[in-house]
């Protein structure tokens, strides 16, 4: 899993997860932490005249990322396509207002 891109508008996380089904992924955001969990299961069953082979393997992973305070948790989006998980975390827009009455600007005269 890696941070693919980060700018003023969003943080994009990408993970290549070949062989994992979407139903075996869990994405949670809690207390400013993005957590990704998954499990990979595979089974091989081979029957021949002289033998019968059954092979099973399981593996799980979990990664957590602390997110900055400036993110908009309600707008996080995830997409899983062809074994690649992409999570887009939008940065909250901030506005700044200038207090005209208390500004320290000097007026210039010609």
C-alpha atoms as a PDB file:
ATOM      1  CA  UNK A   1       0.000   0.000   0.000  1.00  0.00           C
ATOM      2  CA  UNK A   2       1.319   3.387  -0.837  1.00  0.00           C
ATOM      3  CA  UNK A   3       0.313   7.018  -0.944  1.00  0.00           C
ATOM      4  CA  UNK A   4      -0.055   7.512  -4.664  1.00  0.00           C
ATOM      5  CA  UNK A   5      -0.572  11.281  -4.648  1.00  0.00           C
ATOM      6  CA  UNK A   6      -1.239  14.140  -2.284  1.00  0.00           C
ATOM      7  CA  UNK A   7      -2.189  17.708  -3.059  1.00  0.00           C
ATOM      8  CA  UNK A   8      -4.317  20.520  -1.591  1.00  0.00           C
ATOM      9  CA  UNK A   9      -7.533  18.804  -2.718  1.00  0.00           C
ATOM     10  CA  UNK A  10      -7.027  15.115  -1.850  1.00  0.00           C
ATOM     11  CA  UNK A  11      -4.830  12.264  -0.681  1.00  0.00           C
ATOM     12  CA  UNK A  12      -4.917   9.133  -2.847  1.00  0.00           C
ATOM     13  CA  UNK A  13      -3.933   5.722  -1.475  1.00  0.00           C
ATOM     14  CA  UNK A  14      -3.403   2.744  -3.792  1.00  0.00           C
ATOM     15  CA  UNK A  15      -2.809  -0.922  -3.049  1.00  0.00           C
ATOM     16  CA  UNK A  16      -2.242  -3.796  -5.454  1.00  0.00           C
ATOM     17  CA  UNK A  17      -4.175  -6.758  -4.043  1.00  0.00           C
ATOM     18  CA  UNK A  18      -4.114  -9.578  -6.614  1.00  0.00           C
ATOM     19  CA  UNK A  19      -6.283 -12.561  -5.782  1.00  0.00           C
ATOM     20  CA  UNK A  20      -8.334 -10.762  -3.124  1.00  0.00           C
ATOM     21  CA  UNK A  21     -12.103 -10.477  -3.521  1.00  0.00           C
ATOM     22  CA  UNK A  22     -13.855  -7.193  -2.790  1.00  0.00           C
ATOM     23  CA  UNK A  23     -16.014  -8.935  -0.174  1.00  0.00           C
ATOM     24  CA  UNK A  24     -12.827  -9.792   1.761  1.00  0.00           C
ATOM     25  CA  UNK A  25     -11.795  -6.114   2.146  1.00  0.00           C
ATOM     26  CA  UNK A  26     -12.730  -3.789   4.996  1.00  0.00           C
ATOM     27  CA  UNK A  27     -12.075  -0.035   4.966  1.00  0.00           C
ATOM     28  CA  UNK A  28     -12.701   1.913   8.186  1.00  0.00           C
ATOM     29  CA  UNK A  29     -12.078   5.529   9.205  1.00  0.00           C
ATOM     30  CA  UNK A  30     -12.195   6.102  12.945  1.00  0.00           C
ATOM     31  CA  UNK A  31     -10.693   8.893  15.051  1.00  0.00           C
ATOM     32  CA  UNK A  32      -8.645  10.243  12.143  1.00  0.00           C
ATOM     33  CA  UNK A  33      -7.132   6.861  11.207  1.00  0.00           C
ATOM     34  CA  UNK A  34      -7.751   5.074   7.895  1.00  0.00           C
ATOM     35  CA  UNK A  35      -7.563   1.281   8.387  1.00  0.00           C
ATOM     36  CA  UNK A  36      -7.529  -1.263   5.578  1.00  0.00           C
ATOM     37  CA  UNK A  37      -7.955  -4.961   6.310  1.00  0.00           C
ATOM     38  CA  UNK A  38      -8.133  -7.897   3.967  1.00  0.00           C
ATOM     39  CA  UNK A  39      -7.877 -11.636   3.686  1.00  0.00           C
ATOM     40  CA  UNK A  40      -6.752 -13.794   0.809  1.00  0.00           C
ATOM     41  CA  UNK A  41      -7.963 -17.369   0.520  1.00  0.00           C
ATOM     42  CA  UNK A  42      -7.053 -19.898  -2.119  1.00  0.00           C
ATOM     43  CA  UNK A  43      -7.705 -23.568  -2.563  1.00  0.00           C
ATOM     44  CA  UNK A  44      -6.372 -26.061  -5.057  1.00  0.00           C
ATOM     45  CA  UNK A  45      -7.936 -29.465  -5.550  1.00  0.00           C
ATOM     46  CA  UNK A  46      -6.258 -31.799  -8.026  1.00  0.00           C
ATOM     47  CA  UNK A  47      -7.362 -35.387  -8.645  1.00  0.00           C
ATOM     48  CA  UNK A  48      -5.370 -37.844 -10.724  1.00  0.00           C
ATOM     49  CA  UNK A  49      -5.476 -41.607 -11.127  1.00  0.00           C
ATOM     50  CA  UNK A  50      -2.823 -42.227  -8.477  1.00  0.00           C
ATOM     51  CA  UNK A  51      -3.290 -39.300  -6.071  1.00  0.00           C
ATOM     52  CA  UNK A  52      -5.588 -36.589  -4.755  1.00  0.00           C
ATOM     53  CA  UNK A  53      -3.973 -33.249  -3.795  1.00  0.00           C
ATOM     54  CA  UNK A  54      -5.792 -30.621  -1.719  1.00  0.00           C
ATOM     55  CA  UNK A  55      -3.911 -27.412  -0.950  1.00  0.00           C
ATOM     56  CA  UNK A  56      -5.254 -24.417   0.985  1.00  0.00           C
ATOM     57  CA  UNK A  57      -3.605 -21.133   1.867  1.00  0.00           C
ATOM     58  CA  UNK A  58      -4.804 -18.150   3.848  1.00  0.00           C
ATOM     59  CA  UNK A  59      -3.269 -14.792   4.542  1.00  0.00           C
ATOM     60  CA  UNK A  60      -4.429 -11.521   6.020  1.00  0.00           C
ATOM     61  CA  UNK A  61      -3.117  -7.991   6.176  1.00  0.00           C
ATOM     62  CA  UNK A  62      -3.916  -4.755   7.962  1.00  0.00           C
ATOM     63  CA  UNK A  63      -2.513  -1.288   7.358  1.00  0.00           C
ATOM     64  CA  UNK A  64      -3.395   1.920   9.178  1.00  0.00           C
ATOM     65  CA  UNK A  65      -2.647   5.503   8.211  1.00  0.00           C
ATOM     66  CA  UNK A  66      -3.048   8.550  10.416  1.00  0.00           C
ATOM     67  CA  UNK A  67      -4.912  11.209   8.460  1.00  0.00           C
ATOM     68  CA  UNK A  68      -4.419  14.966   8.813  1.00  0.00           C
ATOM     69  CA  UNK A  69      -7.087  17.035  10.562  1.00  0.00           C
ATOM     70  CA  UNK A  70      -7.911  18.748   7.269  1.00  0.00           C
ATOM     71  CA  UNK A  71      -9.688  15.759   5.672  1.00  0.00           C
ATOM     72  CA  UNK A  72     -13.408  15.463   4.970  1.00  0.00           C
ATOM     73  CA  UNK A  73     -14.338  12.013   6.393  1.00  0.00           C
ATOM     74  CA  UNK A  74     -17.854  12.111   4.933  1.00  0.00           C
ATOM     75  CA  UNK A  75     -16.540  12.304   1.352  1.00  0.00           C
ATOM     76  CA  UNK A  76     -13.991   9.445   1.367  1.00  0.00           C
ATOM     77  CA  UNK A  77     -14.430   7.146  -1.632  1.00  0.00           C
ATOM     78  CA  UNK A  78     -12.964   3.738  -2.419  1.00  0.00           C
ATOM     79  CA  UNK A  79     -12.843   1.801  -5.683  1.00  0.00           C
ATOM     80  CA  UNK A  80     -11.648  -1.771  -6.198  1.00  0.00           C
ATOM     81  CA  UNK A  81     -11.001  -2.689  -9.828  1.00  0.00           C
ATOM     82  CA  UNK A  82      -8.919  -5.544 -11.284  1.00  0.00           C
ATOM     83  CA  UNK A  83      -7.063  -6.161  -8.014  1.00  0.00           C
ATOM     84  CA  UNK A  84      -6.209  -2.511  -7.335  1.00  0.00           C
ATOM     85  CA  UNK A  85      -7.758  -0.702  -4.375  1.00  0.00           C
ATOM     86  CA  UNK A  86      -7.870   3.089  -4.684  1.00  0.00           C
ATOM     87  CA  UNK A  87      -9.004   5.225  -1.728  1.00  0.00           C
ATOM     88  CA  UNK A  88      -9.525   8.960  -2.303  1.00  0.00           C
ATOM     89  CA  UNK A  89      -9.532  11.112   0.835  1.00  0.00           C
ATOM     90  CA  UNK A  90     -10.667  14.688   0.082  1.00  0.00           C
ATOM     91  CA  UNK A  91      -9.102  17.556   1.978  1.00  0.00           C
ATOM     92  CA  UNK A  92     -11.686  19.835   3.604  1.00  0.00           C
ATOM     93  CA  UNK A  93     -11.851  23.256   2.036  1.00  0.00           C
ATOM     94  CA  UNK A  94     -10.801  26.041   4.326  1.00  0.00           C
ATOM     95  CA  UNK A  95     -11.808  29.633   3.971  1.00  0.00           C
ATOM     96  CA  UNK A  96     -10.017  32.616   5.392  1.00  0.00           C
ATOM     97  CA  UNK A  97     -11.664  35.970   5.998  1.00  0.00           C
ATOM     98  CA  UNK A  98      -9.805  39.226   6.501  1.00  0.00           C
ATOM     99  CA  UNK A  99     -11.066  41.513   9.209  1.00  0.00           C
ATOM    100  CA  UNK A 100     -11.205  44.858   7.384  1.00  0.00           C
ATOM    101  CA  UNK A 101     -11.763  46.925  10.549  1.00  0.00           C
ATOM    102  CA  UNK A 102      -8.699  45.666  12.388  1.00  0.00           C
ATOM    103  CA  UNK A 103      -6.208  45.372   9.549  1.00  0.00           C
ATOM    104  CA  UNK A 104      -2.856  47.096   9.894  1.00  0.00           C
ATOM    105  CA  UNK A 105      -2.682  48.535   6.429  1.00  0.00           C
ATOM    106  CA  UNK A 106      -1.531  52.051   5.740  1.00  0.00           C
ATOM    107  CA  UNK A 107      -3.081  54.212   3.100  1.00  0.00           C
ATOM    108  CA  UNK A 108      -0.654  55.716   0.634  1.00  0.00           C
ATOM    109  CA  UNK A 109      -1.208  59.196  -0.758  1.00  0.00           C
ATOM    110  CA  UNK A 110       0.452  60.714  -3.771  1.00  0.00           C
END
